[in-house]
Amino acid sequence: DRAGRITEMNPAARHLFGVADGRLTVAAISDLLFWRKTGEQIEIGPDLFAKHSFEALAERRDGSRFPADISLGHEDTRGVSVVVFFVRDVTARLTGEQDLRLSRDEALAGQRAKSHFMAVMSHEMRTPLNGLIAATELMQSSTDLDQRQSWLSEIVLSCGWAALDQVNNVLELTR
């Protein structure tokens, strides 16, 4: 009723609140509902009736609490005021959402670790390749090489540039 006294519970509500035997240990809906963020008992009154739905913690007969989405409707007919609370246990949904958040966070952490690894590897691989290329070019320009030495230094230079190009391509793909 408008005072928040529980006058009737359907079988699903009895099961949800753990009163399958039909005997309530509380008389008011406010004894069963608590604000999810603060844990404070929900006061029944005009402010609450102005809402069409809200989130709360609902308390079972055994004292355990579960997250719930509450929808309510009220009507005055033939001088009788009736308020209907629809209570839905959302534990599974919230657990699923939390699992998704954890999976996303783990994936992001893996992505950050991969990015860090690739940044370190790019430095560790580019530095010696650049040194190899620079030393070979310096040797070619400052030393009289015979035909075989010149041919071998071109192979070293060509392989160095090819390896550096591959490293750059891999890094670009991972970016």
C-alpha atoms as a PDB file:
ATOM      1  CA  ASP A   1       0.000   0.000   0.000  1.00  0.00           C
ATOM      2  CA  ARG A   2       1.020   3.672  -0.096  1.00  0.00           C
ATOM      3  CA  ALA A   3       2.513   3.339   3.399  1.00  0.00           C
ATOM      4  CA  GLY A   4       4.833   0.629   2.086  1.00  0.00           C
ATOM      5  CA  ARG A   5       3.201  -2.233   3.992  1.00  0.00           C
ATOM      6  CA  ILE A   6       3.455  -5.533   2.140  1.00  0.00           C
ATOM      7  CA  THR A   7      -0.032  -6.894   1.633  1.00  0.00           C
ATOM      8  CA  GLU A   8       0.734  -9.638  -0.860  1.00  0.00           C
ATOM      9  CA  MET A   9       3.667 -11.333  -2.578  1.00  0.00           C
ATOM     10  CA  ASN A  10       3.443 -13.498  -5.671  1.00  0.00           C
ATOM     11  CA  PRO A  11       5.234 -16.890  -5.696  1.00  0.00           C
ATOM     12  CA  ALA A  12       8.215 -15.517  -7.638  1.00  0.00           C
ATOM     13  CA  ALA A  13       8.724 -12.764  -5.052  1.00  0.00           C
ATOM     14  CA  ARG A  14       8.415 -15.242  -2.197  1.00  0.00           C
ATOM     15  CA  HIS A  15      11.079 -17.385  -3.806  1.00  0.00           C
ATOM     16  CA  LEU A  16      13.319 -14.383  -4.546  1.00  0.00           C
ATOM     17  CA  PHE A  17      13.161 -13.104  -0.984  1.00  0.00           C
ATOM     18  CA  GLY A  18      13.379 -16.567   0.556  1.00  0.00           C
ATOM     19  CA  VAL A  19       9.912 -16.627   2.070  1.00  0.00           C
ATOM     20  CA  ALA A  20       8.635 -19.647   0.170  1.00  0.00           C
ATOM     21  CA  ASP A  21       6.636 -20.729   3.202  1.00  0.00           C
ATOM     22  CA  GLY A  22       4.645 -17.489   2.878  1.00  0.00           C
ATOM     23  CA  ARG A  23       5.611 -16.134   6.296  1.00  0.00           C
ATOM     24  CA  LEU A  24       7.231 -12.738   6.204  1.00  0.00           C
ATOM     25  CA  THR A  25       9.432 -11.609   9.050  1.00  0.00           C
ATOM     26  CA  VAL A  26       9.018  -7.989   7.931  1.00  0.00           C
ATOM     27  CA  ALA A  27       5.899  -6.043   7.250  1.00  0.00           C
ATOM     28  CA  ALA A  28       7.158  -3.195   5.034  1.00  0.00           C
ATOM     29  CA  ILE A  29       8.919  -3.091   1.681  1.00  0.00           C
ATOM     30  CA  SER A  30      11.376  -0.571   3.150  1.00  0.00           C
ATOM     31  CA  ASP A  31      12.687  -3.387   5.388  1.00  0.00           C
ATOM     32  CA  LEU A  32      13.712  -5.260   2.246  1.00  0.00           C
ATOM     33  CA  LEU A  33      15.218  -2.486   0.090  1.00  0.00           C
ATOM     34  CA  PHE A  34      18.450  -0.528   0.550  1.00  0.00           C
ATOM     35  CA  TRP A  35      20.185   2.022  -1.636  1.00  0.00           C
ATOM     36  CA  ARG A  36      22.908   0.259  -3.603  1.00  0.00           C
ATOM     37  CA  LYS A  37      25.540   2.996  -3.203  1.00  0.00           C
ATOM     38  CA  THR A  38      25.105   3.783   0.482  1.00  0.00           C
ATOM     39  CA  GLY A  39      23.450   0.683   1.901  1.00  0.00           C
ATOM     40  CA  GLU A  40      20.914   2.906   3.686  1.00  0.00           C
ATOM     41  CA  GLN A  41      17.340   1.747   4.026  1.00  0.00           C
ATOM     42  CA  ILE A  42      14.982   3.133   1.382  1.00  0.00           C
ATOM     43  CA  GLU A  43      12.281   5.401   2.746  1.00  0.00           C
ATOM     44  CA  ILE A  44       8.804   4.922   1.323  1.00  0.00           C
ATOM     45  CA  GLY A  45       7.142   8.176   0.367  1.00  0.00           C
ATOM     46  CA  PRO A  46       6.142  10.527  -2.446  1.00  0.00           C
ATOM     47  CA  ASP A  47       9.741  10.963  -3.653  1.00  0.00           C
ATOM     48  CA  LEU A  48      10.052   7.229  -4.185  1.00  0.00           C
ATOM     49  CA  PHE A  49       6.656   6.964  -5.864  1.00  0.00           C
ATOM     50  CA  ALA A  50       7.718   9.693  -8.324  1.00  0.00           C
ATOM     51  CA  LYS A  51      10.326   7.273  -9.664  1.00  0.00           C
ATOM     52  CA  HIS A  52       9.379   4.595 -12.140  1.00  0.00           C
ATOM     53  CA  SER A  53      12.496   2.527 -11.613  1.00  0.00           C
ATOM     54  CA  PHE A  54      15.677   2.548  -9.572  1.00  0.00           C
ATOM     55  CA  GLU A  55      18.533   0.343  -8.463  1.00  0.00           C
ATOM     56  CA  ALA A  56      18.708  -1.052  -4.965  1.00  0.00           C
ATOM     57  CA  LEU A  57      19.956  -3.850  -2.796  1.00  0.00           C
ATOM     58  CA  ALA A  58      17.243  -6.246  -1.761  1.00  0.00           C
ATOM     59  CA  GLU A  59      17.487  -8.344   1.376  1.00  0.00           C
ATOM     60  CA  ARG A  60      16.403 -11.950   1.595  1.00  0.00           C
ATOM     61  CA  ARG A  61      14.883 -13.509   4.668  1.00  0.00           C
ATOM     62  CA  ASP A  62      18.298 -14.988   5.601  1.00  0.00           C
ATOM     63  CA  GLY A  63      19.850 -11.496   5.643  1.00  0.00           C
ATOM     64  CA  SER A  64      21.818 -11.876   2.405  1.00  0.00           C
ATOM     65  CA  ARG A  65      21.529  -9.015  -0.057  1.00  0.00           C
ATOM     66  CA  PHE A  66      21.462  -8.995  -3.837  1.00  0.00           C
ATOM     67  CA  PRO A  67      21.535  -6.201  -6.411  1.00  0.00           C
ATOM     68  CA  ALA A  68      18.111  -5.522  -7.858  1.00  0.00           C
ATOM     69  CA  ASP A  69      16.428  -3.370 -10.442  1.00  0.00           C
ATOM     70  CA  ILE A  70      13.151  -2.118  -9.039  1.00  0.00           C
ATOM     71  CA  SER A  71      10.240  -0.930 -11.157  1.00  0.00           C
ATOM     72  CA  LEU A  72       7.096   0.310  -9.552  1.00  0.00           C
ATOM     73  CA  GLY A  73       3.644   1.299 -10.463  1.00  0.00           C
ATOM     74  CA  HIS A  74       0.769   2.607  -8.423  1.00  0.00           C
ATOM     75  CA  GLU A  75      -2.899   3.089  -8.933  1.00  0.00           C
ATOM     76  CA  ASP A  76      -5.889   4.273  -6.990  1.00  0.00           C
ATOM     77  CA  THR A  77      -9.048   2.357  -7.829  1.00  0.00           C
ATOM     78  CA  ARG A  78     -12.339   2.458  -6.008  1.00  0.00           C
ATOM     79  CA  GLY A  79     -10.757   4.159  -3.042  1.00  0.00           C
ATOM     80  CA  VAL A  80      -8.001   1.564  -2.702  1.00  0.00           C
ATOM     81  CA  SER A  81      -4.428   2.622  -3.311  1.00  0.00           C
ATOM     82  CA  VAL A  82      -2.151  -0.135  -4.590  1.00  0.00           C
ATOM     83  CA  VAL A  83       1.584   0.024  -5.238  1.00  0.00           C
ATOM     84  CA  VAL A  84       3.266  -2.781  -7.140  1.00  0.00           C
ATOM     85  CA  PHE A  85       7.000  -3.328  -6.825  1.00  0.00           C
ATOM     86  CA  PHE A  86       8.674  -5.436  -9.502  1.00  0.00           C
ATOM     87  CA  VAL A  87      11.974  -6.663  -8.112  1.00  0.00           C
ATOM     88  CA  ARG A  88      14.473  -8.287 -10.453  1.00  0.00           C
ATOM     89  CA  ASP A  89      17.715  -9.889  -9.253  1.00  0.00           C
ATOM     90  CA  VAL A  90      20.493  -8.544 -11.508  1.00  0.00           C
ATOM     91  CA  THR A  91      23.398 -10.420  -9.928  1.00  0.00           C
ATOM     92  CA  ALA A  92      24.089 -12.427 -13.109  1.00  0.00           C
ATOM     93  CA  ARG A  93      24.013  -9.331 -15.310  1.00  0.00           C
ATOM     94  CA  LEU A  94      26.341  -7.378 -13.015  1.00  0.00           C
ATOM     95  CA  THR A  95      28.692 -10.353 -12.725  1.00  0.00           C
ATOM     96  CA  GLY A  96      28.754 -10.639 -16.516  1.00  0.00           C
ATOM     97  CA  GLU A  97      29.468  -6.917 -16.858  1.00  0.00           C
ATOM     98  CA  GLN A  98      32.257  -7.170 -14.302  1.00  0.00           C
ATOM     99  CA  ASP A  99      33.733 -10.172 -16.131  1.00  0.00           C
ATOM    100  CA  LEU A 100      33.627  -8.198 -19.376  1.00  0.00           C
ATOM    101  CA  ARG A 101      35.366  -5.236 -17.723  1.00  0.00           C
ATOM    102  CA  LEU A 102      38.059  -7.532 -16.312  1.00  0.00           C
ATOM    103  CA  SER A 103      38.564  -9.173 -19.712  1.00  0.00           C
ATOM    104  CA  ARG A 104      38.784  -5.769 -21.368  1.00  0.00           C
ATOM    105  CA  ASP A 105      41.277  -4.553 -18.759  1.00  0.00           C
ATOM    106  CA  GLU A 106      43.403  -7.674 -19.224  1.00  0.00           C
ATOM    107  CA  ALA A 107      43.330  -7.229 -23.002  1.00  0.00           C
ATOM    108  CA  LEU A 108      44.333  -3.572 -22.654  1.00  0.00           C
ATOM    109  CA  ALA A 109      47.147  -4.522 -20.281  1.00  0.00           C
ATOM    110  CA  GLY A 110      48.338  -7.100 -22.821  1.00  0.00           C
ATOM    111  CA  GLN A 111      48.189  -4.465 -25.548  1.00  0.00           C
ATOM    112  CA  ARG A 112      50.227  -2.044 -23.418  1.00  0.00           C
ATOM    113  CA  ALA A 113      52.780  -4.769 -22.692  1.00  0.00           C
ATOM    114  CA  LYS A 114      53.020  -5.572 -26.406  1.00  0.00           C
ATOM    115  CA  SER A 115      53.460  -1.899 -27.264  1.00  0.00           C
ATOM    116  CA  HIS A 116      56.177  -1.535 -24.647  1.00  0.00           C
ATOM    117  CA  PHE A 117      57.909  -4.688 -25.901  1.00  0.00           C
ATOM    118  CA  MET A 118      57.755  -3.461 -29.497  1.00  0.00           C
ATOM    119  CA  ALA A 119      59.147  -0.050 -28.532  1.00  0.00           C
ATOM    120  CA  VAL A 120      62.057  -1.680 -26.720  1.00  0.00           C
ATOM    121  CA  MET A 121      62.622  -4.159 -29.543  1.00  0.00           C
ATOM    122  CA  SER A 122      62.543  -1.433 -32.170  1.00  0.00           C
ATOM    123  CA  HIS A 123      65.345   0.371 -30.374  1.00  0.00           C
ATOM    124  CA  GLU A 124      67.273  -2.825 -29.683  1.00  0.00           C
ATOM    125  CA  MET A 125      67.013  -4.002 -33.307  1.00  0.00           C
ATOM    126  CA  ARG A 126      67.331  -0.705 -35.155  1.00  0.00           C
ATOM    127  CA  THR A 127      70.405   0.472 -33.304  1.00  0.00           C
ATOM    128  CA  PRO A 128      72.691  -2.433 -34.321  1.00  0.00           C
ATOM    129  CA  LEU A 129      71.263  -2.497 -37.858  1.00  0.00           C
ATOM    130  CA  ASN A 130      71.912   1.225 -38.277  1.00  0.00           C
ATOM    131  CA  GLY A 131      75.429   0.678 -36.903  1.00  0.00           C
ATOM    132  CA  LEU A 132      76.040  -2.189 -39.340  1.00  0.00           C
ATOM    133  CA  ILE A 133      74.816  -0.132 -42.295  1.00  0.00           C
ATOM    134  CA  ALA A 134      76.778   2.962 -41.279  1.00  0.00           C
ATOM    135  CA  ALA A 135      79.994   1.000 -40.678  1.00  0.00           C
ATOM    136  CA  THR A 136      79.678  -0.776 -44.040  1.00  0.00           C
ATOM    137  CA  GLU A 137      79.028   2.482 -45.891  1.00  0.00           C
ATOM    138  CA  LEU A 138      81.983   4.090 -44.105  1.00  0.00           C
ATOM    139  CA  MET A 139      84.210   1.148 -44.979  1.00  0.00           C
ATOM    140  CA  GLN A 140      83.163   1.358 -48.635  1.00  0.00           C
ATOM    141  CA  SER A 141      83.808   5.097 -48.853  1.00  0.00           C
ATOM    142  CA  SER A 142      87.077   5.258 -46.896  1.00  0.00           C
ATOM    143  CA  THR A 143      88.858   2.020 -47.790  1.00  0.00           C
ATOM    144  CA  ASP A 144      90.243   0.707 -51.060  1.00  0.00           C
ATOM    145  CA  LEU A 145      88.455  -2.589 -51.396  1.00  0.00           C
ATOM    146  CA  ASP A 146      89.258  -5.220 -53.959  1.00  0.00           C
ATOM    147  CA  GLN A 147      86.477  -6.585 -56.145  1.00  0.00           C
ATOM    148  CA  ARG A 148      85.580  -9.476 -53.786  1.00  0.00           C
ATOM    149  CA  GLN A 149      85.573  -7.216 -50.667  1.00  0.00           C
ATOM    150  CA  SER A 150      83.424  -4.668 -52.482  1.00  0.00           C
ATOM    151  CA  TRP A 151      80.987  -7.427 -53.538  1.00  0.00           C
ATOM    152  CA  LEU A 152      80.818  -8.804 -49.953  1.00  0.00           C
ATOM    153  CA  SER A 153      80.313  -5.324 -48.449  1.00  0.00           C
ATOM    154  CA  GLU A 154      77.421  -4.728 -50.893  1.00  0.00           C
ATOM    155  CA  ILE A 155      75.825  -7.986 -49.686  1.00  0.00           C
ATOM    156  CA  VAL A 156      76.232  -6.851 -46.050  1.00  0.00           C
ATOM    157  CA  LEU A 157      74.775  -3.441 -46.895  1.00  0.00           C
ATOM    158  CA  SER A 158      71.884  -4.910 -48.888  1.00  0.00           C
ATOM    159  CA  CYS A 159      71.030  -7.406 -46.111  1.00  0.00           C
ATOM    160  CA  GLY A 160      71.276  -4.663 -43.464  1.00  0.00           C
ATOM    161  CA  TRP A 161      68.839  -2.417 -45.357  1.00  0.00           C
ATOM    162  CA  ALA A 162      66.479  -5.364 -45.976  1.00  0.00           C
ATOM    163  CA  ALA A 163      66.524  -6.326 -42.284  1.00  0.00           C
ATOM    164  CA  LEU A 164      65.920  -2.701 -41.202  1.00  0.00           C
ATOM    165  CA  ASP A 165      63.041  -2.453 -43.680  1.00  0.00           C
ATOM    166  CA  GLN A 166      61.487  -5.654 -42.245  1.00  0.00           C
ATOM    167  CA  VAL A 167      61.840  -4.394 -38.674  1.00  0.00           C
ATOM    168  CA  ASN A 168      60.177  -1.104 -39.673  1.00  0.00           C
ATOM    169  CA  ASN A 169      57.335  -2.975 -41.426  1.00  0.00           C
ATOM    170  CA  VAL A 170      56.669  -5.184 -38.402  1.00  0.00           C
ATOM    171  CA  LEU A 171      56.669  -2.179 -36.092  1.00  0.00           C
ATOM    172  CA  GLU A 172      54.318  -0.285 -38.385  1.00  0.00           C
ATOM    173  CA  LEU A 173      51.886  -3.239 -38.446  1.00  0.00           C
ATOM    174  CA  THR A 174      51.862  -3.535 -34.656  1.00  0.00           C
ATOM    175  CA  ARG A 175      51.208   0.173 -34.299  1.00  0.00           C
END
